[in-house]
Amino acid sequence: MQKTILYFKLGKNLQVTTDQFHLIIDFEVKENMTDNNAVIPLADRILSKNKVFSWSFDKGYFSKENKELLALFIGSFIKECW
């Protein structure tokens, strides 16, 4: 008798943004959205409420467009980290 292995995914992708004290300041449950496509809506939400001096992303969030856009608000940090 052959075993059948079923693969399925539990849950959803969650994006969490924290401040320098590791307090959550934003979160989003992502459906059908890649990491690099989530940066612009995230920046809109965060920059409308907070002054950002530095920002760190995983490399999956990188795109040339994201770098150029965020450089307008956080210029020196973007150049150093990406």
C-alpha atoms as a PDB file:
ATOM      1  CA  MET A   1       0.000   0.000   0.000  1.00  0.00           C
ATOM      2  CA  GLN A   2       1.381   3.397  -0.997  1.00  0.00           C
ATOM      3  CA  LYS A   3       0.983   6.402   1.253  1.00  0.00           C
ATOM      4  CA  THR A   4      -0.453   9.570  -0.212  1.00  0.00           C
ATOM      5  CA  ILE A   5       1.111  12.730   1.134  1.00  0.00           C
ATOM      6  CA  LEU A   6      -1.070  15.793   1.050  1.00  0.00           C
ATOM      7  CA  TYR A   7       0.553  19.205   1.227  1.00  0.00           C
ATOM      8  CA  PHE A   8      -1.474  22.194   2.280  1.00  0.00           C
ATOM      9  CA  LYS A   9      -0.793  25.566   3.769  1.00  0.00           C
ATOM     10  CA  LEU A  10      -2.255  26.649   7.071  1.00  0.00           C
ATOM     11  CA  GLY A  11      -2.772  30.304   7.714  1.00  0.00           C
ATOM     12  CA  LYS A  12      -1.861  33.387   5.752  1.00  0.00           C
ATOM     13  CA  ASN A  13       1.200  35.549   5.179  1.00  0.00           C
ATOM     14  CA  LEU A  14       1.558  38.291   7.746  1.00  0.00           C
ATOM     15  CA  GLN A  15       3.707  41.397   7.403  1.00  0.00           C
ATOM     16  CA  VAL A  16       4.645  43.123  10.671  1.00  0.00           C
ATOM     17  CA  THR A  17       6.396  46.497  11.044  1.00  0.00           C
ATOM     18  CA  THR A  18       8.049  47.401  14.344  1.00  0.00           C
ATOM     19  CA  ASP A  19       9.745  50.488  15.698  1.00  0.00           C
ATOM     20  CA  GLN A  20      13.208  50.742  17.270  1.00  0.00           C
ATOM     21  CA  PHE A  21      11.800  49.357  20.529  1.00  0.00           C
ATOM     22  CA  HIS A  22      10.279  46.360  18.684  1.00  0.00           C
ATOM     23  CA  LEU A  23       6.743  47.568  19.292  1.00  0.00           C
ATOM     24  CA  ILE A  24       4.347  46.742  16.466  1.00  0.00           C
ATOM     25  CA  ILE A  25       3.313  49.896  14.603  1.00  0.00           C
ATOM     26  CA  ASP A  26       1.691  48.254  11.561  1.00  0.00           C
ATOM     27  CA  PHE A  27       0.622  44.849  10.315  1.00  0.00           C
ATOM     28  CA  GLU A  28      -1.064  43.449   7.241  1.00  0.00           C
ATOM     29  CA  VAL A  29      -2.382  40.047   6.273  1.00  0.00           C
ATOM     30  CA  LYS A  30      -1.207  39.573   2.710  1.00  0.00           C
ATOM     31  CA  GLU A  31      -3.179  37.607   0.162  1.00  0.00           C
ATOM     32  CA  ASN A  32      -1.906  37.216  -3.393  1.00  0.00           C
ATOM     33  CA  MET A  33       0.769  39.876  -2.858  1.00  0.00           C
ATOM     34  CA  THR A  34       4.516  39.457  -3.113  1.00  0.00           C
ATOM     35  CA  ASP A  35       6.854  41.132  -0.638  1.00  0.00           C
ATOM     36  CA  ASN A  36       8.230  43.659  -3.124  1.00  0.00           C
ATOM     37  CA  ASN A  37       4.687  44.724  -4.100  1.00  0.00           C
ATOM     38  CA  ALA A  38       3.813  45.371  -0.453  1.00  0.00           C
ATOM     39  CA  VAL A  39       6.374  48.160   0.086  1.00  0.00           C
ATOM     40  CA  ILE A  40       4.441  51.055  -1.513  1.00  0.00           C
ATOM     41  CA  PRO A  41       1.168  50.521   0.423  1.00  0.00           C
ATOM     42  CA  LEU A  42       3.214  49.956   3.582  1.00  0.00           C
ATOM     43  CA  ALA A  43       5.175  53.179   3.059  1.00  0.00           C
ATOM     44  CA  ASP A  44       1.920  55.097   2.506  1.00  0.00           C
ATOM     45  CA  ARG A  45       0.514  53.863   5.813  1.00  0.00           C
ATOM     46  CA  ILE A  46       3.686  54.309   7.863  1.00  0.00           C
ATOM     47  CA  LEU A  47       4.889  57.643   6.463  1.00  0.00           C
ATOM     48  CA  SER A  48       1.458  59.234   6.856  1.00  0.00           C
ATOM     49  CA  LYS A  49       1.569  58.614  10.628  1.00  0.00           C
ATOM     50  CA  ASN A  50       5.262  58.494  11.560  1.00  0.00           C
ATOM     51  CA  LYS A  51       8.583  60.199  10.913  1.00  0.00           C
ATOM     52  CA  VAL A  52      10.992  57.521   9.695  1.00  0.00           C
ATOM     53  CA  PHE A  53      14.744  57.983  10.099  1.00  0.00           C
ATOM     54  CA  SER A  54      15.767  54.488   8.995  1.00  0.00           C
ATOM     55  CA  TRP A  55      14.057  51.468   7.555  1.00  0.00           C
ATOM     56  CA  SER A  56      15.173  47.865   7.162  1.00  0.00           C
ATOM     57  CA  PHE A  57      13.644  45.281   4.826  1.00  0.00           C
ATOM     58  CA  ASP A  58      14.439  41.683   3.976  1.00  0.00           C
ATOM     59  CA  LYS A  59      15.913  41.261   0.501  1.00  0.00           C
ATOM     60  CA  GLY A  60      12.606  39.861  -0.814  1.00  0.00           C
ATOM     61  CA  TYR A  61      11.185  43.386  -0.555  1.00  0.00           C
ATOM     62  CA  PHE A  62      13.790  44.876  -2.896  1.00  0.00           C
ATOM     63  CA  SER A  63      12.997  46.386  -6.268  1.00  0.00           C
ATOM     64  CA  LYS A  64      14.545  49.318  -8.071  1.00  0.00           C
ATOM     65  CA  GLU A  65      11.239  51.213  -7.940  1.00  0.00           C
ATOM     66  CA  ASN A  66      10.904  50.690  -4.178  1.00  0.00           C
ATOM     67  CA  LYS A  67      14.457  51.883  -3.619  1.00  0.00           C
ATOM     68  CA  GLU A  68      13.921  55.041  -5.679  1.00  0.00           C
ATOM     69  CA  LEU A  69      10.618  55.870  -4.004  1.00  0.00           C
ATOM     70  CA  LEU A  70      11.830  55.349  -0.445  1.00  0.00           C
ATOM     71  CA  ALA A  71      15.040  57.261  -1.199  1.00  0.00           C
ATOM     72  CA  LEU A  72      12.875  60.370  -1.547  1.00  0.00           C
ATOM     73  CA  PHE A  73      11.900  60.043   2.121  1.00  0.00           C
ATOM     74  CA  ILE A  74      14.854  58.221   3.681  1.00  0.00           C
ATOM     75  CA  GLY A  75      17.659  58.856   1.174  1.00  0.00           C
ATOM     76  CA  SER A  76      20.898  57.922   2.915  1.00  0.00           C
ATOM     77  CA  PHE A  77      19.529  54.819   4.619  1.00  0.00           C
ATOM     78  CA  ILE A  78      18.231  53.280   1.402  1.00  0.00           C
ATOM     79  CA  LYS A  79      21.541  53.697  -0.408  1.00  0.00           C
ATOM     80  CA  GLU A  80      23.493  52.053   2.421  1.00  0.00           C
ATOM     81  CA  CYS A  81      21.226  49.058   3.016  1.00  0.00           C
ATOM     82  CA  TRP A  82      20.063  48.110  -0.466  1.00  0.00           C
END
